[in-house]
Amino acid sequence: MKILVACGSGLGSSFMMEMNVVKVLKELGVENFEVDHCDLSSAATIKADIYIGTRDIASNLTSLGDTISLNSMIDLNELREKLEGMLKQKGLL
């Protein structure tokens, strides 16, 4: 399973969210995953099973596939809740 985290510039914000996604996946006991980050314009060129972005850019990701929109990039509880829901929906958890 591949998860792509995107932000406007592909630097600090998406990298921080990537680390949080890895942390949550490990807490949930998910194995065999790949998490990467990029800027919004590059996201269209990268195939992923799940795309994650903050609410200001998430609408630009929905055409690419299953997307999680975060209200806060630092709220681990929100990330855990939404990621767990998406994984259950996809039959991966």
PDB file of N, CA and C in Angstrom:
ATOM      1  N   MET A   1       0.844  -1.174   0.000  1.00  0.00           N
ATOM      2  CA  MET A   1       0.000   0.000   0.000  1.00  0.00           C
ATOM      3  C   MET A   1       0.889   1.237   0.000  1.00  0.00           C
ATOM      4  N   LYS A   2       0.542   2.178  -0.857  1.00  0.00           N
ATOM      5  CA  LYS A   2       1.304   3.428  -0.915  1.00  0.00           C
ATOM      6  C   LYS A   2       0.410   4.595  -0.522  1.00  0.00           C
ATOM      7  N   ILE A   3       0.945   5.440   0.354  1.00  0.00           N
ATOM      8  CA  ILE A   3       0.257   6.649   0.790  1.00  0.00           C
ATOM      9  C   ILE A   3       1.121   7.836   0.400  1.00  0.00           C
ATOM     10  N   LEU A   4       0.507   8.813  -0.239  1.00  0.00           N
ATOM     11  CA  LEU A   4       1.219  10.020  -0.642  1.00  0.00           C
ATOM     12  C   LEU A   4       0.656  11.211   0.119  1.00  0.00           C
ATOM     13  N   VAL A   5       1.535  11.936   0.782  1.00  0.00           N
ATOM     14  CA  VAL A   5       1.159  13.126   1.542  1.00  0.00           C
ATOM     15  C   VAL A   5       1.635  14.343   0.752  1.00  0.00           C
ATOM     16  N   ALA A   6       0.724  15.268   0.500  1.00  0.00           N
ATOM     17  CA  ALA A   6       1.072  16.439  -0.307  1.00  0.00           C
ATOM     18  C   ALA A   6       0.808  17.735   0.450  1.00  0.00           C
ATOM     19  N   CYS A   7       1.625  18.731   0.126  1.00  0.00           N
ATOM     20  CA  CYS A   7       1.399  20.094   0.618  1.00  0.00           C
ATOM     21  C   CYS A   7       1.765  21.047  -0.516  1.00  0.00           C
ATOM     22  N   GLY A   8       1.602  22.306  -0.292  1.00  0.00           N
ATOM     23  CA  GLY A   8       1.839  23.291  -1.338  1.00  0.00           C
ATOM     24  C   GLY A   8       3.236  23.266  -1.920  1.00  0.00           C
ATOM     25  N   SER A   9       4.251  23.156  -1.067  1.00  0.00           N
ATOM     26  CA  SER A   9       5.632  23.208  -1.551  1.00  0.00           C
ATOM     27  C   SER A   9       6.356  21.871  -1.494  1.00  0.00           C
ATOM     28  N   GLY A  10       5.807  20.894  -0.787  1.00  0.00           N
ATOM     29  CA  GLY A  10       6.430  19.573  -0.717  1.00  0.00           C
ATOM     30  C   GLY A  10       7.600  19.491   0.233  1.00  0.00           C
ATOM     31  N   LEU A  11       7.720  20.445   1.128  1.00  0.00           N
ATOM     32  CA  LEU A  11       8.866  20.454   2.035  1.00  0.00           C
ATOM     33  C   LEU A  11       8.435  20.130   3.458  1.00  0.00           C
ATOM     34  N   GLY A  12       8.414  21.097   4.327  1.00  0.00           N
ATOM     35  CA  GLY A  12       8.213  20.874   5.753  1.00  0.00           C
ATOM     36  C   GLY A  12       6.887  20.274   6.156  1.00  0.00           C
ATOM     37  N   SER A  13       5.800  20.839   5.684  1.00  0.00           N
ATOM     38  CA  SER A  13       4.474  20.379   6.116  1.00  0.00           C
ATOM     39  C   SER A  13       4.213  18.936   5.718  1.00  0.00           C
ATOM     40  N   SER A  14       4.460  18.612   4.459  1.00  0.00           N
ATOM     41  CA  SER A  14       4.189  17.247   4.009  1.00  0.00           C
ATOM     42  C   SER A  14       5.149  16.255   4.656  1.00  0.00           C
ATOM     43  N   PHE A  15       6.374  16.661   4.911  1.00  0.00           N
ATOM     44  CA  PHE A  15       7.329  15.766   5.573  1.00  0.00           C
ATOM     45  C   PHE A  15       6.883  15.478   7.003  1.00  0.00           C
ATOM     46  N   MET A  16       6.420  16.498   7.705  1.00  0.00           N
ATOM     47  CA  MET A  16       5.940  16.305   9.073  1.00  0.00           C
ATOM     48  C   MET A  16       4.712  15.390   9.082  1.00  0.00           C
ATOM     49  N   MET A  17       3.796  15.599   8.136  1.00  0.00           N
ATOM     50  CA  MET A  17       2.621  14.737   8.054  1.00  0.00           C
ATOM     51  C   MET A  17       3.021  13.312   7.692  1.00  0.00           C
ATOM     52  N   GLU A  18       4.021  13.156   6.832  1.00  0.00           N
ATOM     53  CA  GLU A  18       4.509  11.821   6.474  1.00  0.00           C
ATOM     54  C   GLU A  18       4.988  11.081   7.722  1.00  0.00           C
ATOM     55  N   MET A  19       5.762  11.741   8.559  1.00  0.00           N
ATOM     56  CA  MET A  19       6.248  11.107   9.792  1.00  0.00           C
ATOM     57  C   MET A  19       5.082  10.724  10.697  1.00  0.00           C
ATOM     58  N   ASN A  20       4.061  11.568  10.773  1.00  0.00           N
ATOM     59  CA  ASN A  20       2.888  11.256  11.588  1.00  0.00           C
ATOM     60  C   ASN A  20       2.107  10.074  11.018  1.00  0.00           C
ATOM     61  N   VAL A  21       1.996   9.989   9.699  1.00  0.00           N
ATOM     62  CA  VAL A  21       1.309   8.862   9.066  1.00  0.00           C
ATOM     63  C   VAL A  21       2.034   7.562   9.391  1.00  0.00           C
ATOM     64  N   VAL A  22       3.351   7.560   9.283  1.00  0.00           N
ATOM     65  CA  VAL A  22       4.137   6.364   9.613  1.00  0.00           C
ATOM     66  C   VAL A  22       3.900   5.966  11.067  1.00  0.00           C
ATOM     67  N   LYS A  23       3.906   6.928  11.947  1.00  0.00           N
ATOM     68  CA  LYS A  23       3.677   6.661  13.375  1.00  0.00           C
ATOM     69  C   LYS A  23       2.308   6.026  13.601  1.00  0.00           C
ATOM     70  N   VAL A  24       1.276   6.586  12.995  1.00  0.00           N
ATOM     71  CA  VAL A  24      -0.082   6.064  13.165  1.00  0.00           C
ATOM     72  C   VAL A  24      -0.206   4.666  12.562  1.00  0.00           C
ATOM     73  N   LEU A  25       0.362   4.441  11.386  1.00  0.00           N
ATOM     74  CA  LEU A  25       0.298   3.119  10.769  1.00  0.00           C
ATOM     75  C   LEU A  25       0.943   2.065  11.662  1.00  0.00           C
ATOM     76  N   LYS A  26       2.065   2.400  12.256  1.00  0.00           N
ATOM     77  CA  LYS A  26       2.731   1.460  13.165  1.00  0.00           C
ATOM     78  C   LYS A  26       1.873   1.202  14.400  1.00  0.00           C
ATOM     79  N   GLU A  27       1.254   2.250  14.940  1.00  0.00           N
ATOM     80  CA  GLU A  27       0.368   2.088  16.099  1.00  0.00           C
ATOM     81  C   GLU A  27      -0.819   1.188  15.777  1.00  0.00           C
ATOM     82  N   LEU A  28      -1.310   1.268  14.544  1.00  0.00           N
ATOM     83  CA  LEU A  28      -2.450   0.456  14.121  1.00  0.00           C
ATOM     84  C   LEU A  28      -2.038  -0.963  13.733  1.00  0.00           C
ATOM     85  N   GLY A  29      -0.737  -1.224  13.702  1.00  0.00           N
ATOM     86  CA  GLY A  29      -0.245  -2.554  13.355  1.00  0.00           C
ATOM     87  C   GLY A  29      -0.247  -2.845  11.868  1.00  0.00           C
ATOM     88  N   VAL A  30      -0.290  -1.809  11.053  1.00  0.00           N
ATOM     89  CA  VAL A  30      -0.283  -1.978   9.601  1.00  0.00           C
ATOM     90  C   VAL A  30       1.142  -2.266   9.146  1.00  0.00           C
ATOM     91  N   GLU A  31       1.266  -3.255   8.261  1.00  0.00           N
ATOM     92  CA  GLU A  31       2.575  -3.612   7.709  1.00  0.00           C
ATOM     93  C   GLU A  31       2.542  -3.433   6.197  1.00  0.00           C
ATOM     94  N   ASN A  32       3.693  -3.535   5.582  1.00  0.00           N
ATOM     95  CA  ASN A  32       3.821  -3.444   4.125  1.00  0.00           C
ATOM     96  C   ASN A  32       3.220  -2.162   3.561  1.00  0.00           C
ATOM     97  N   PHE A  33       3.735  -1.050   4.027  1.00  0.00           N
ATOM     98  CA  PHE A  33       3.267   0.235   3.525  1.00  0.00           C
ATOM     99  C   PHE A  33       4.456   1.083   3.101  1.00  0.00           C
ATOM    100  N   GLU A  34       4.172   2.014   2.214  1.00  0.00           N
ATOM    101  CA  GLU A  34       5.160   2.999   1.772  1.00  0.00           C
ATOM    102  C   GLU A  34       4.499   4.363   1.888  1.00  0.00           C
ATOM    103  N   VAL A  35       5.180   5.284   2.521  1.00  0.00           N
ATOM    104  CA  VAL A  35       4.655   6.643   2.664  1.00  0.00           C
ATOM    105  C   VAL A  35       5.681   7.603   2.078  1.00  0.00           C
ATOM    106  N   ASP A  36       5.211   8.519   1.262  1.00  0.00           N
ATOM    107  CA  ASP A  36       6.098   9.506   0.652  1.00  0.00           C
ATOM    108  C   ASP A  36       5.405  10.864   0.700  1.00  0.00           C
ATOM    109  N   HIS A  37       6.172  11.922   0.461  1.00  0.00           N
ATOM    110  CA  HIS A  37       5.602  13.266   0.446  1.00  0.00           C
ATOM    111  C   HIS A  37       6.063  14.001  -0.801  1.00  0.00           C
ATOM    112  N   CYS A  38       5.269  14.989  -1.199  1.00  0.00           N
ATOM    113  CA  CYS A  38       5.607  15.769  -2.388  1.00  0.00           C
ATOM    114  C   CYS A  38       4.828  17.080  -2.369  1.00  0.00           C
ATOM    115  N   ASP A  39       5.107  17.908  -3.361  1.00  0.00           N
ATOM    116  CA  ASP A  39       4.340  19.138  -3.521  1.00  0.00           C
ATOM    117  C   ASP A  39       3.075  18.826  -4.320  1.00  0.00           C
ATOM    118  N   LEU A  40       2.121  19.705  -4.255  1.00  0.00           N
ATOM    119  CA  LEU A  40       0.817  19.482  -4.878  1.00  0.00           C
ATOM    120  C   LEU A  40       0.926  19.224  -6.376  1.00  0.00           C
ATOM    121  N   SER A  41       1.739  19.979  -7.082  1.00  0.00           N
ATOM    122  CA  SER A  41       1.816  19.810  -8.536  1.00  0.00           C
ATOM    123  C   SER A  41       2.420  18.470  -8.934  1.00  0.00           C
ATOM    124  N   SER A  42       3.284  17.892  -8.109  1.00  0.00           N
ATOM    125  CA  SER A  42       3.883  16.590  -8.409  1.00  0.00           C
ATOM    126  C   SER A  42       2.956  15.431  -8.080  1.00  0.00           C
ATOM    127  N   ALA A  43       1.976  15.655  -7.227  1.00  0.00           N
ATOM    128  CA  ALA A  43       1.094  14.568  -6.780  1.00  0.00           C
ATOM    129  C   ALA A  43       0.392  13.882  -7.950  1.00  0.00           C
ATOM    130  N   ALA A  44       0.045  14.635  -8.970  1.00  0.00           N
ATOM    131  CA  ALA A  44      -0.668  14.069 -10.119  1.00  0.00           C
ATOM    132  C   ALA A  44       0.169  13.058 -10.889  1.00  0.00           C
ATOM    133  N   THR A  45       1.469  13.097 -10.715  1.00  0.00           N
ATOM    134  CA  THR A  45       2.348  12.179 -11.442  1.00  0.00           C
ATOM    135  C   THR A  45       2.720  10.947 -10.621  1.00  0.00           C
ATOM    136  N   ILE A  46       2.209  10.847  -9.403  1.00  0.00           N
ATOM    137  CA  ILE A  46       2.578   9.750  -8.510  1.00  0.00           C
ATOM    138  C   ILE A  46       1.340   8.931  -8.171  1.00  0.00           C
ATOM    139  N   LYS A  47       1.399   7.630  -8.463  1.00  0.00           N
ATOM    140  CA  LYS A  47       0.281   6.733  -8.171  1.00  0.00           C
ATOM    141  C   LYS A  47       0.345   6.299  -6.714  1.00  0.00           C
ATOM    142  N   ALA A  48      -0.781   6.425  -6.019  1.00  0.00           N
ATOM    143  CA  ALA A  48      -0.856   6.002  -4.619  1.00  0.00           C
ATOM    144  C   ALA A  48      -2.234   5.409  -4.348  1.00  0.00           C
ATOM    145  N   ASP A  49      -2.313   4.638  -3.274  1.00  0.00           N
ATOM    146  CA  ASP A  49      -3.593   4.067  -2.857  1.00  0.00           C
ATOM    147  C   ASP A  49      -4.412   5.079  -2.067  1.00  0.00           C
ATOM    148  N   ILE A  50      -3.718   5.937  -1.314  1.00  0.00           N
ATOM    149  CA  ILE A  50      -4.368   6.966  -0.505  1.00  0.00           C
ATOM    150  C   ILE A  50      -3.557   8.254  -0.618  1.00  0.00           C
ATOM    151  N   TYR A  51      -4.251   9.357  -0.823  1.00  0.00           N
ATOM    152  CA  TYR A  51      -3.627  10.677  -0.850  1.00  0.00           C
ATOM    153  C   TYR A  51      -4.073  11.436   0.395  1.00  0.00           C
ATOM    154  N   ILE A  52      -3.151  12.163   1.010  1.00  0.00           N
ATOM    155  CA  ILE A  52      -3.465  12.930   2.209  1.00  0.00           C
ATOM    156  C   ILE A  52      -2.991  14.364   2.021  1.00  0.00           C
ATOM    157  N   GLY A  53      -3.850  15.300   2.389  1.00  0.00           N
ATOM    158  CA  GLY A  53      -3.495  16.713   2.341  1.00  0.00           C
ATOM    159  C   GLY A  53      -4.354  17.494   3.310  1.00  0.00           C
ATOM    160  N   THR A  54      -3.930  18.699   3.612  1.00  0.00           N
ATOM    161  CA  THR A  54      -4.748  19.556   4.467  1.00  0.00           C
ATOM    162  C   THR A  54      -5.944  20.060   3.660  1.00  0.00           C
ATOM    163  N   ARG A  55      -6.946  20.541   4.361  1.00  0.00           N
ATOM    164  CA  ARG A  55      -8.213  20.889   3.713  1.00  0.00           C
ATOM    165  C   ARG A  55      -8.064  21.935   2.616  1.00  0.00           C
ATOM    166  N   ASP A  56      -7.043  22.777   2.683  1.00  0.00           N
ATOM    167  CA  ASP A  56      -6.878  23.814   1.662  1.00  0.00           C
ATOM    168  C   ASP A  56      -6.422  23.261   0.315  1.00  0.00           C
ATOM    169  N   ILE A  57      -5.846  22.063   0.291  1.00  0.00           N
ATOM    170  CA  ILE A  57      -5.416  21.482  -0.983  1.00  0.00           C
ATOM    171  C   ILE A  57      -6.056  20.131  -1.281  1.00  0.00           C
ATOM    172  N   ALA A  58      -6.738  19.533  -0.320  1.00  0.00           N
ATOM    173  CA  ALA A  58      -7.283  18.182  -0.495  1.00  0.00           C
ATOM    174  C   ALA A  58      -8.234  18.085  -1.683  1.00  0.00           C
ATOM    175  N   SER A  59      -8.977  19.135  -1.963  1.00  0.00           N
ATOM    176  CA  SER A  59      -9.905  19.093  -3.100  1.00  0.00           C
ATOM    177  C   SER A  59      -9.156  18.911  -4.421  1.00  0.00           C
ATOM    178  N   ASN A  60      -7.898  19.313  -4.459  1.00  0.00           N
ATOM    179  CA  ASN A  60      -7.076  19.124  -5.658  1.00  0.00           C
ATOM    180  C   ASN A  60      -6.566  17.692  -5.779  1.00  0.00           C
ATOM    181  N   LEU A  61      -6.678  16.912  -4.715  1.00  0.00           N
ATOM    182  CA  LEU A  61      -6.188  15.535  -4.718  1.00  0.00           C
ATOM    183  C   LEU A  61      -7.293  14.522  -5.009  1.00  0.00           C
ATOM    184  N   THR A  62      -8.543  14.893  -4.794  1.00  0.00           N
ATOM    185  CA  THR A  62      -9.637  13.921  -4.893  1.00  0.00           C
ATOM    186  C   THR A  62      -9.762  13.289  -6.275  1.00  0.00           C
ATOM    187  N   SER A  63      -9.388  13.994  -7.317  1.00  0.00           N
ATOM    188  CA  SER A  63      -9.473  13.420  -8.665  1.00  0.00           C
ATOM    189  C   SER A  63      -8.423  12.333  -8.885  1.00  0.00           C
ATOM    190  N   LEU A  64      -7.435  12.254  -8.003  1.00  0.00           N
ATOM    191  CA  LEU A  64      -6.364  11.267  -8.141  1.00  0.00           C
ATOM    192  C   LEU A  64      -6.725   9.923  -7.520  1.00  0.00           C
ATOM    193  N   GLY A  65      -7.641   9.932  -6.553  1.00  0.00           N
ATOM    194  CA  GLY A  65      -8.023   8.692  -5.876  1.00  0.00           C
ATOM    195  C   GLY A  65      -8.530   8.974  -4.480  1.00  0.00           C
ATOM    196  N   ASP A  66      -8.554   7.936  -3.655  1.00  0.00           N
ATOM    197  CA  ASP A  66      -9.034   8.079  -2.279  1.00  0.00           C
ATOM    198  C   ASP A  66      -8.195   9.112  -1.543  1.00  0.00           C
ATOM    199  N   THR A  67      -8.870  10.083  -0.965  1.00  0.00           N
ATOM    200  CA  THR A  67      -8.186  11.219  -0.349  1.00  0.00           C
ATOM    201  C   THR A  67      -8.675  11.458   1.068  1.00  0.00           C
ATOM    202  N   ILE A  68      -7.730  11.743   1.950  1.00  0.00           N
ATOM    203  CA  ILE A  68      -8.035  12.142   3.319  1.00  0.00           C
ATOM    204  C   ILE A  68      -7.721  13.626   3.439  1.00  0.00           C
ATOM    205  N   SER A  69      -8.718  14.387   3.871  1.00  0.00           N
ATOM    206  CA  SER A  69      -8.559  15.821   4.082  1.00  0.00           C
ATOM    207  C   SER A  69      -8.421  16.085   5.574  1.00  0.00           C
ATOM    208  N   LEU A  70      -7.328  16.720   5.963  1.00  0.00           N
ATOM    209  CA  LEU A  70      -7.070  17.009   7.373  1.00  0.00           C
ATOM    210  C   LEU A  70      -7.337  18.475   7.682  1.00  0.00           C
ATOM    211  N   ASN A  71      -8.050  18.715   8.765  1.00  0.00           N
ATOM    212  CA  ASN A  71      -8.260  20.083   9.231  1.00  0.00           C
ATOM    213  C   ASN A  71      -6.996  20.636   9.872  1.00  0.00           C
ATOM    214  N   SER A  72      -6.233  19.751  10.512  1.00  0.00           N
ATOM    215  CA  SER A  72      -4.991  20.150  11.178  1.00  0.00           C
ATOM    216  C   SER A  72      -3.903  19.141  10.851  1.00  0.00           C
ATOM    217  N   MET A  73      -2.779  19.622  10.372  1.00  0.00           N
ATOM    218  CA  MET A  73      -1.699  18.700  10.021  1.00  0.00           C
ATOM    219  C   MET A  73      -0.956  18.170  11.242  1.00  0.00           C
ATOM    220  N   ILE A  74      -1.213  18.718  12.426  1.00  0.00           N
ATOM    221  CA  ILE A  74      -0.502  18.259  13.624  1.00  0.00           C
ATOM    222  C   ILE A  74      -1.389  17.478  14.590  1.00  0.00           C
ATOM    223  N   ASP A  75      -2.672  17.328  14.265  1.00  0.00           N
ATOM    224  CA  ASP A  75      -3.608  16.621  15.143  1.00  0.00           C
ATOM    225  C   ASP A  75      -3.542  15.119  14.873  1.00  0.00           C
ATOM    226  N   LEU A  76      -2.798  14.397  15.715  1.00  0.00           N
ATOM    227  CA  LEU A  76      -2.644  12.955  15.529  1.00  0.00           C
ATOM    228  C   LEU A  76      -3.961  12.208  15.702  1.00  0.00           C
ATOM    229  N   ASN A  77      -4.827  12.691  16.570  1.00  0.00           N
ATOM    230  CA  ASN A  77      -6.115  12.022  16.764  1.00  0.00           C
ATOM    231  C   ASN A  77      -6.970  12.090  15.500  1.00  0.00           C
ATOM    232  N   GLU A  78      -7.001  13.253  14.865  1.00  0.00           N
ATOM    233  CA  GLU A  78      -7.750  13.389  13.614  1.00  0.00           C
ATOM    234  C   GLU A  78      -7.157  12.482  12.544  1.00  0.00           C
ATOM    235  N   LEU A  79      -5.840  12.491  12.413  1.00  0.00           N
ATOM    236  CA  LEU A  79      -5.174  11.650  11.422  1.00  0.00           C
ATOM    237  C   LEU A  79      -5.481  10.180  11.679  1.00  0.00           C
ATOM    238  N   ARG A  80      -5.354   9.744  12.925  1.00  0.00           N
ATOM    239  CA  ARG A  80      -5.606   8.347  13.281  1.00  0.00           C
ATOM    240  C   ARG A  80      -7.045   7.952  12.933  1.00  0.00           C
ATOM    241  N   GLU A  81      -7.993   8.785  13.317  1.00  0.00           N
ATOM    242  CA  GLU A  81      -9.410   8.496  13.062  1.00  0.00           C
ATOM    243  C   GLU A  81      -9.699   8.379  11.567  1.00  0.00           C
ATOM    244  N   LYS A  82      -9.221   9.334  10.786  1.00  0.00           N
ATOM    245  CA  LYS A  82      -9.506   9.339   9.352  1.00  0.00           C
ATOM    246  C   LYS A  82      -8.742   8.250   8.611  1.00  0.00           C
ATOM    247  N   LEU A  83      -7.498   8.015   8.991  1.00  0.00           N
ATOM    248  CA  LEU A  83      -6.705   6.982   8.332  1.00  0.00           C
ATOM    249  C   LEU A  83      -7.248   5.597   8.669  1.00  0.00           C
ATOM    250  N   GLU A  84      -7.596   5.376   9.917  1.00  0.00           N
ATOM    251  CA  GLU A  84      -8.166   4.091  10.323  1.00  0.00           C
ATOM    252  C   GLU A  84      -9.475   3.834   9.569  1.00  0.00           C
ATOM    253  N   GLY A  85     -10.312   4.860   9.448  1.00  0.00           N
ATOM    254  CA  GLY A  85     -11.563   4.722   8.702  1.00  0.00           C
ATOM    255  C   GLY A  85     -11.332   4.373   7.242  1.00  0.00           C
ATOM    256  N   MET A  86     -10.368   5.031   6.623  1.00  0.00           N
ATOM    257  CA  MET A  86     -10.062   4.768   5.217  1.00  0.00           C
ATOM    258  C   MET A  86      -9.518   3.351   5.035  1.00  0.00           C
ATOM    259  N   LEU A  87      -8.643   2.926   5.937  1.00  0.00           N
ATOM    260  CA  LEU A  87      -8.074   1.580   5.843  1.00  0.00           C
ATOM    261  C   LEU A  87      -9.154   0.516   6.022  1.00  0.00           C
ATOM    262  N   LYS A  88     -10.083   0.736   6.928  1.00  0.00           N
ATOM    263  CA  LYS A  88     -11.196  -0.203   7.119  1.00  0.00           C
ATOM    264  C   LYS A  88     -12.080  -0.229   5.876  1.00  0.00           C
ATOM    265  N   GLN A  89     -12.341   0.929   5.318  1.00  0.00           N
ATOM    266  CA  GLN A  89     -13.161   1.034   4.107  1.00  0.00           C
ATOM    267  C   GLN A  89     -12.528   0.259   2.954  1.00  0.00           C
ATOM    268  N   LYS A  90     -11.210   0.271   2.870  1.00  0.00           N
ATOM    269  CA  LYS A  90     -10.489  -0.412   1.802  1.00  0.00           C
ATOM    270  C   LYS A  90     -10.212  -1.880   2.138  1.00  0.00           C
ATOM    271  N   GLY A  91     -10.632  -2.324   3.330  1.00  0.00           N
ATOM    272  CA  GLY A  91     -10.411  -3.709   3.741  1.00  0.00           C
ATOM    273  C   GLY A  91      -8.973  -4.018   4.108  1.00  0.00           C
ATOM    274  N   LEU A  92      -8.229  -2.996   4.502  1.00  0.00           N
ATOM    275  CA  LEU A  92      -6.816  -3.174   4.838  1.00  0.00           C
ATOM    276  C   LEU A  92      -6.568  -3.214   6.340  1.00  0.00           C
ATOM    277  N   LEU A  93      -7.631  -3.123   7.120  1.00  0.00           N
ATOM    278  CA  LEU A  93      -7.489  -3.118   8.580  1.00  0.00           C
ATOM    279  C   LEU A  93      -8.637  -3.884   9.207  1.00  0.00           C
TER     280      LEU A  93
END
